[in-house]
Amino acid sequence: MPVKAFGGGIDYNLQMMTFETYRREVTTLTTFVTHFCNDKHSDLPREARTIGIRYGTETAEPIETTLCDGCAETVAYGIARLQGCPYDEKPKCRKCSDPCYERPMWKRVAAIMRYSGMKLGLTKVRKKIRFWSGA
């Protein structure tokens, strides 16, 4: 089935992403933004939020999280862009030939992903060290 790309025309070589890919991308985005918000926005008012996962006709169990308004807006923006992404195999957004993120939001999401990626990676290393040291 041809897919209308974000930038305009129809690309007959693109395939829509699978529901599983979409679910994984939404979960990753939400997890990274939640970690960032917990560390950087602890002084801002935050609310419990439910992030629904719906793509086409399929749905998955929603994600429960607590975010400030700015981070909730970032997640909503990312999900909207993800729903419009025509690629099944996600290219890195920085290398995408037809980027769908507006530049300021792209920079914001990139900073969040960079921060949370380091933080989550270090958490895994610490857990492995504790496991192997018997602590």
C-alpha atoms as a PDB file:
ATOM      1  CA  MET A   1       0.000   0.000   0.000  1.00  0.00           C
ATOM      2  CA  PRO A   2       1.488   3.410  -0.885  1.00  0.00           C
ATOM      3  CA  VAL A   3       2.206   5.733   1.989  1.00  0.00           C
ATOM      4  CA  LYS A   4       1.872   9.498   1.978  1.00  0.00           C
ATOM      5  CA  ALA A   5       5.151  10.806   3.348  1.00  0.00           C
ATOM      6  CA  PHE A   6       5.202  13.710   5.819  1.00  0.00           C
ATOM      7  CA  GLY A   7       6.861  16.017   3.322  1.00  0.00           C
ATOM      8  CA  GLY A   8       4.224  15.673   0.663  1.00  0.00           C
ATOM      9  CA  GLY A   9       4.163  13.144  -2.165  1.00  0.00           C
ATOM     10  CA  ILE A  10       3.419   9.448  -2.152  1.00  0.00           C
ATOM     11  CA  ASP A  11       6.356   7.064  -1.851  1.00  0.00           C
ATOM     12  CA  TYR A  12       5.511   3.625  -3.211  1.00  0.00           C
ATOM     13  CA  ASN A  13       8.582   2.030  -1.596  1.00  0.00           C
ATOM     14  CA  LEU A  14       7.671   2.824   2.012  1.00  0.00           C
ATOM     15  CA  GLN A  15       5.850   0.457   4.342  1.00  0.00           C
ATOM     16  CA  MET A  16       3.943   1.598   7.416  1.00  0.00           C
ATOM     17  CA  MET A  17       5.561   0.509  10.648  1.00  0.00           C
ATOM     18  CA  THR A  18       4.099  -2.461  12.468  1.00  0.00           C
ATOM     19  CA  PHE A  19       2.048  -2.007  15.609  1.00  0.00           C
ATOM     20  CA  GLU A  20       4.792  -3.664  17.665  1.00  0.00           C
ATOM     21  CA  THR A  21       7.378  -1.190  16.358  1.00  0.00           C
ATOM     22  CA  TYR A  22       5.031   1.703  17.144  1.00  0.00           C
ATOM     23  CA  ARG A  23       4.354   0.392  20.676  1.00  0.00           C
ATOM     24  CA  ARG A  24       8.079   0.011  21.341  1.00  0.00           C
ATOM     25  CA  GLU A  25       8.825   3.534  20.074  1.00  0.00           C
ATOM     26  CA  VAL A  26       6.066   5.113  22.216  1.00  0.00           C
ATOM     27  CA  THR A  27       7.232   3.170  25.281  1.00  0.00           C
ATOM     28  CA  THR A  28      10.845   4.246  24.721  1.00  0.00           C
ATOM     29  CA  LEU A  29       9.918   7.904  24.238  1.00  0.00           C
ATOM     30  CA  THR A  30       7.714   7.910  27.343  1.00  0.00           C
ATOM     31  CA  THR A  31      10.346   6.160  29.470  1.00  0.00           C
ATOM     32  CA  PHE A  32      13.099   8.566  28.439  1.00  0.00           C
ATOM     33  CA  VAL A  33      10.965  11.679  28.947  1.00  0.00           C
ATOM     34  CA  THR A  34       9.773  10.391  32.349  1.00  0.00           C
ATOM     35  CA  HIS A  35      13.360   9.883  33.550  1.00  0.00           C
ATOM     36  CA  PHE A  36      14.318  13.331  32.319  1.00  0.00           C
ATOM     37  CA  CYS A  37      11.273  14.945  33.968  1.00  0.00           C
ATOM     38  CA  ASN A  38      11.888  13.167  37.292  1.00  0.00           C
ATOM     39  CA  ASP A  39      15.478  14.431  37.418  1.00  0.00           C
ATOM     40  CA  LYS A  40      15.216  17.879  35.848  1.00  0.00           C
ATOM     41  CA  HIS A  41      11.705  19.047  36.675  1.00  0.00           C
ATOM     42  CA  SER A  42      11.199  17.798  40.221  1.00  0.00           C
ATOM     43  CA  ASP A  43      10.444  21.384  41.324  1.00  0.00           C
ATOM     44  CA  LEU A  44       7.592  21.798  38.793  1.00  0.00           C
ATOM     45  CA  PRO A  45       4.032  20.623  39.435  1.00  0.00           C
ATOM     46  CA  ARG A  46       3.499  17.224  37.857  1.00  0.00           C
ATOM     47  CA  GLU A  47       0.376  15.191  37.227  1.00  0.00           C
ATOM     48  CA  ALA A  48      -0.329  11.508  36.776  1.00  0.00           C
ATOM     49  CA  ARG A  49      -0.988  10.905  33.101  1.00  0.00           C
ATOM     50  CA  THR A  50      -2.123   8.018  30.969  1.00  0.00           C
ATOM     51  CA  ILE A  51      -0.417   7.655  27.595  1.00  0.00           C
ATOM     52  CA  GLY A  52      -2.661   5.683  25.270  1.00  0.00           C
ATOM     53  CA  ILE A  53      -1.075   3.413  22.691  1.00  0.00           C
ATOM     54  CA  ARG A  54      -3.245   3.240  19.602  1.00  0.00           C
ATOM     55  CA  TYR A  55      -2.057   2.783  16.046  1.00  0.00           C
ATOM     56  CA  GLY A  56      -4.559   2.193  13.292  1.00  0.00           C
ATOM     57  CA  THR A  57      -7.130  -0.180  14.708  1.00  0.00           C
ATOM     58  CA  GLU A  58      -4.839  -1.804  17.282  1.00  0.00           C
ATOM     59  CA  THR A  59      -4.419  -0.757  20.893  1.00  0.00           C
ATOM     60  CA  ALA A  60      -2.138  -1.799  23.742  1.00  0.00           C
ATOM     61  CA  GLU A  61      -2.272  -1.293  27.479  1.00  0.00           C
ATOM     62  CA  PRO A  62      -1.734   2.399  28.247  1.00  0.00           C
ATOM     63  CA  ILE A  63       1.369   3.674  30.025  1.00  0.00           C
ATOM     64  CA  GLU A  64       0.884   5.364  33.394  1.00  0.00           C
ATOM     65  CA  THR A  65       3.417   8.089  34.197  1.00  0.00           C
ATOM     66  CA  THR A  66       3.830  11.379  36.048  1.00  0.00           C
ATOM     67  CA  LEU A  67       4.980  14.367  33.986  1.00  0.00           C
ATOM     68  CA  CYS A  68       5.038  18.150  34.109  1.00  0.00           C
ATOM     69  CA  ASP A  69       3.051  19.993  31.444  1.00  0.00           C
ATOM     70  CA  GLY A  70       6.112  20.676  29.278  1.00  0.00           C
ATOM     71  CA  CYS A  71       7.233  17.048  29.237  1.00  0.00           C
ATOM     72  CA  ALA A  72       3.661  15.853  28.600  1.00  0.00           C
ATOM     73  CA  GLU A  73       3.582  18.203  25.617  1.00  0.00           C
ATOM     74  CA  THR A  74       6.874  16.731  24.383  1.00  0.00           C
ATOM     75  CA  VAL A  75       5.519  13.182  24.600  1.00  0.00           C
ATOM     76  CA  ALA A  76       2.289  14.161  22.814  1.00  0.00           C
ATOM     77  CA  TYR A  77       4.287  15.896  20.053  1.00  0.00           C
ATOM     78  CA  GLY A  78       6.577  12.881  19.648  1.00  0.00           C
ATOM     79  CA  ILE A  79       3.645  10.472  19.461  1.00  0.00           C
ATOM     80  CA  ALA A  80       1.900  12.623  16.848  1.00  0.00           C
ATOM     81  CA  ARG A  81       5.069  12.684  14.742  1.00  0.00           C
ATOM     82  CA  LEU A  82       5.606   8.961  15.230  1.00  0.00           C
ATOM     83  CA  GLN A  83       2.086   8.223  13.997  1.00  0.00           C
ATOM     84  CA  GLY A  84       2.879  10.116  10.812  1.00  0.00           C
ATOM     85  CA  CYS A  85       6.297   8.545  10.234  1.00  0.00           C
ATOM     86  CA  PRO A  86       6.161   6.475   7.062  1.00  0.00           C
ATOM     87  CA  TYR A  87       9.185   4.309   7.858  1.00  0.00           C
ATOM     88  CA  ASP A  88       8.928   0.794   9.282  1.00  0.00           C
ATOM     89  CA  GLU A  89      12.637   0.611  10.018  1.00  0.00           C
ATOM     90  CA  LYS A  90      13.205   3.900  11.808  1.00  0.00           C
ATOM     91  CA  PRO A  91      16.157   5.874  10.498  1.00  0.00           C
ATOM     92  CA  LYS A  92      17.826   8.087  13.029  1.00  0.00           C
ATOM     93  CA  CYS A  93      15.876  11.318  12.817  1.00  0.00           C
ATOM     94  CA  ARG A  94      19.121  13.202  12.356  1.00  0.00           C
ATOM     95  CA  LYS A  95      19.747  11.222   9.145  1.00  0.00           C
ATOM     96  CA  CYS A  96      16.166  11.228   7.873  1.00  0.00           C
ATOM     97  CA  SER A  97      15.726  12.623   4.374  1.00  0.00           C
ATOM     98  CA  ASP A  98      12.277  13.994   5.254  1.00  0.00           C
ATOM     99  CA  PRO A  99      12.342  15.088   8.934  1.00  0.00           C
ATOM    100  CA  CYS A 100       8.961  15.547  10.564  1.00  0.00           C
ATOM    101  CA  TYR A 101      10.120  17.208  13.802  1.00  0.00           C
ATOM    102  CA  GLU A 102      10.346  20.984  13.824  1.00  0.00           C
ATOM    103  CA  ARG A 103      13.928  22.028  14.610  1.00  0.00           C
ATOM    104  CA  PRO A 104      13.365  23.434  18.162  1.00  0.00           C
ATOM    105  CA  MET A 105      11.404  20.352  19.234  1.00  0.00           C
ATOM    106  CA  TRP A 106      13.959  18.052  17.595  1.00  0.00           C
ATOM    107  CA  LYS A 107      16.699  19.692  19.689  1.00  0.00           C
ATOM    108  CA  ARG A 108      14.589  19.329  22.833  1.00  0.00           C
ATOM    109  CA  VAL A 109      13.867  15.638  22.234  1.00  0.00           C
ATOM    110  CA  ALA A 110      17.511  14.979  21.289  1.00  0.00           C
ATOM    111  CA  ALA A 111      18.681  16.528  24.586  1.00  0.00           C
ATOM    112  CA  ILE A 112      16.158  14.435  26.542  1.00  0.00           C
ATOM    113  CA  MET A 113      17.179  11.223  24.756  1.00  0.00           C
ATOM    114  CA  ARG A 114      20.878  11.948  25.246  1.00  0.00           C
ATOM    115  CA  TYR A 115      20.429  12.647  28.984  1.00  0.00           C
ATOM    116  CA  SER A 116      18.114   9.716  29.692  1.00  0.00           C
ATOM    117  CA  GLY A 117      20.078   7.305  27.519  1.00  0.00           C
ATOM    118  CA  MET A 118      23.213   7.981  29.556  1.00  0.00           C
ATOM    119  CA  LYS A 119      21.293   7.780  32.818  1.00  0.00           C
ATOM    120  CA  LEU A 120      19.557   4.505  31.934  1.00  0.00           C
ATOM    121  CA  GLY A 121      22.783   3.020  30.572  1.00  0.00           C
ATOM    122  CA  LEU A 122      24.622   3.827  33.794  1.00  0.00           C
ATOM    123  CA  THR A 123      21.778   2.347  35.835  1.00  0.00           C
ATOM    124  CA  LYS A 124      22.159  -0.963  33.982  1.00  0.00           C
ATOM    125  CA  VAL A 125      25.925  -0.940  34.572  1.00  0.00           C
ATOM    126  CA  ARG A 126      25.425  -0.249  38.300  1.00  0.00           C
ATOM    127  CA  LYS A 127      22.924  -3.119  38.555  1.00  0.00           C
ATOM    128  CA  LYS A 128      25.383  -5.500  36.881  1.00  0.00           C
ATOM    129  CA  ILE A 129      28.204  -4.409  39.198  1.00  0.00           C
ATOM    130  CA  ARG A 130      25.990  -4.935  42.259  1.00  0.00           C
ATOM    131  CA  PHE A 131      24.926  -8.328  40.955  1.00  0.00           C
ATOM    132  CA  TRP A 132      28.455  -9.557  40.285  1.00  0.00           C
ATOM    133  CA  SER A 133      29.889  -8.100  43.493  1.00  0.00           C
ATOM    134  CA  GLY A 134      27.150  -9.730  45.554  1.00  0.00           C
ATOM    135  CA  ALA A 135      26.060  -6.404  47.065  1.00  0.00           C
END
